[in-house]
């Protein structure tokens, strides 16, 4: 999943299109992502921000410091999550986990044990 795909999934295709992301400079994109981070940090739109407490099973299981447990949906997502490792700052919204710095995203499902 690319940065564009992840942001489009979060914002919805209509709002993402209106941003004209491909025409924005790097500093404009970073400013928009900063607003996104602050909004999630404030709990906007039911998103949550947390630090990764543990990554297990080759990235397939992600445990956040808030106690939530997530399972990567695809192998590529698991590989990405494994690369992030413990301590990475992430936001979770609509079954996507976003690494905030550098910005990346993976699809996840809530894991119920």
Protein backbone atom coordinates (compact mmCIF):
# COMPACT_ATOMS: atom_id res chain seq x y z
CA UNK A 1 0.00 0.00 0.00
CA UNK A 2 1.46 3.35 -1.01
CA UNK A 3 1.32 6.59 0.95
CA UNK A 4 -1.26 7.87 -1.53
CA UNK A 5 -3.41 4.75 -1.10
CA UNK A 6 -3.27 4.96 2.68
CA UNK A 7 -4.14 8.64 2.85
CA UNK A 8 -6.93 8.19 0.27
CA UNK A 9 -8.36 5.34 2.33
CA UNK A 10 -8.28 7.46 5.47
CA UNK A 11 -9.71 10.65 3.97
CA UNK A 12 -11.93 9.06 1.36
CA UNK A 13 -11.35 9.38 -2.39
CA UNK A 14 -13.35 12.59 -2.83
CA UNK A 15 -11.38 14.63 -0.28
CA UNK A 16 -8.09 13.09 -1.41
CA UNK A 17 -8.83 14.08 -5.02
CA UNK A 18 -9.59 17.64 -3.96
CA UNK A 19 -6.15 17.87 -2.34
CA UNK A 20 -4.46 17.28 -5.73
CA UNK A 21 -1.73 15.43 -3.80
CA UNK A 22 0.52 14.89 -6.82
CA UNK A 23 0.72 18.64 -7.42
CA UNK A 24 1.74 19.51 -3.87
CA UNK A 25 5.33 20.24 -2.89
CA UNK A 26 7.07 18.10 -0.28
CA UNK A 27 6.61 20.82 2.36
CA UNK A 28 2.88 21.10 1.57
CA UNK A 29 2.48 17.33 1.86
CA UNK A 30 4.33 17.33 5.18
CA UNK A 31 2.07 20.12 6.47
CA UNK A 32 -1.03 18.09 5.60
CA UNK A 33 0.42 14.97 7.22
CA UNK A 34 1.20 17.02 10.34
CA UNK A 35 -2.44 18.05 10.60
CA UNK A 36 -3.40 14.40 10.11
CA UNK A 37 -1.09 13.35 12.97
CA UNK A 38 -2.41 16.01 15.32
CA UNK A 39 -6.01 15.10 14.51
CA UNK A 40 -5.44 11.44 15.22
CA UNK A 41 -3.55 12.32 18.37
CA UNK A 42 -6.62 14.21 19.57
CA UNK A 43 -8.80 11.19 18.85
CA UNK A 44 -10.39 12.65 15.73
CA UNK A 45 -12.71 10.34 13.81
CA UNK A 46 -12.23 7.51 16.32
CA UNK A 47 -8.58 7.02 15.38
CA UNK A 48 -6.07 6.17 18.07
CA UNK A 49 -2.37 6.85 18.32
CA UNK A 50 -0.09 4.46 20.16
CA UNK A 51 3.46 3.17 20.31
CA UNK A 52 4.20 -0.39 19.23
CA UNK A 53 4.91 -2.43 22.34
CA UNK A 54 5.74 -5.69 20.54
CA UNK A 55 5.84 -7.21 17.07
CA UNK A 56 5.46 -10.99 16.96
CA UNK A 57 5.13 -13.87 14.50
CA UNK A 58 7.26 -12.20 11.83
CA UNK A 59 5.13 -9.07 11.85
CA UNK A 60 1.76 -10.80 11.70
CA UNK A 61 0.87 -9.72 15.26
CA UNK A 62 1.17 -6.16 16.50
CA UNK A 63 0.64 -5.25 20.16
CA UNK A 64 0.32 -1.57 21.04
CA UNK A 65 1.11 0.11 24.34
CA UNK A 66 -2.63 0.80 24.81
CA UNK A 67 -3.14 -2.99 24.98
CA UNK A 68 -4.81 -3.36 21.60
CA UNK A 69 -3.72 -6.35 19.51
CA UNK A 70 -3.80 -6.41 15.72
CA UNK A 71 -3.18 -8.97 13.01
CA UNK A 72 -1.72 -8.07 9.62
CA UNK A 73 -4.09 -9.00 6.80
CA UNK A 74 -1.47 -9.83 4.16
CA UNK A 75 2.12 -11.07 4.12
CA UNK A 76 3.38 -7.76 2.67
CA UNK A 77 1.67 -5.90 5.52
CA UNK A 78 3.33 -8.21 8.06
CA UNK A 79 6.76 -7.59 6.53
CA UNK A 80 6.19 -3.83 6.74
CA UNK A 81 5.06 -4.02 10.37
CA UNK A 82 8.05 -6.21 11.25
CA UNK A 83 10.38 -3.57 9.79
CA UNK A 84 8.75 -0.86 11.95
CA UNK A 85 9.50 -2.79 15.14
CA UNK A 86 8.96 -1.89 18.78
CA UNK A 87 8.75 1.77 19.70
CA UNK A 88 7.37 3.02 16.38
CA UNK A 89 4.57 5.59 16.65
CA UNK A 90 1.43 4.41 14.84
CA UNK A 91 -2.16 5.51 14.33
CA UNK A 92 -4.95 2.99 13.81
CA UNK A 93 -8.10 3.91 11.95
CA UNK A 94 -10.59 1.95 9.80
CA UNK A 95 -8.53 -1.27 9.82
CA UNK A 96 -5.37 0.50 8.71
CA UNK A 97 -2.31 1.04 10.86
CA UNK A 98 -0.29 4.10 9.86
CA UNK A 99 3.32 4.61 10.84
CA UNK A 100 3.60 8.33 11.30
CA UNK A 101 7.29 8.91 10.76
CA UNK A 102 8.15 8.03 8.05
CA UNK A 103 4.59 7.75 6.81
CA UNK A 104 3.57 4.20 5.77
CA UNK A 105 0.42 2.09 6.16
CA UNK A 106 -0.64 -1.55 6.42
CA UNK A 107 -4.00 -3.30 6.62
CA UNK A 108 -4.84 -4.94 9.95
CA UNK A 109 -7.68 -6.65 11.78
CA UNK A 110 -8.40 -6.51 15.50
CA UNK A 111 -7.00 -9.65 17.08
CA UNK A 112 -9.19 -11.28 19.71
CA UNK A 113 -7.51 -13.90 21.85
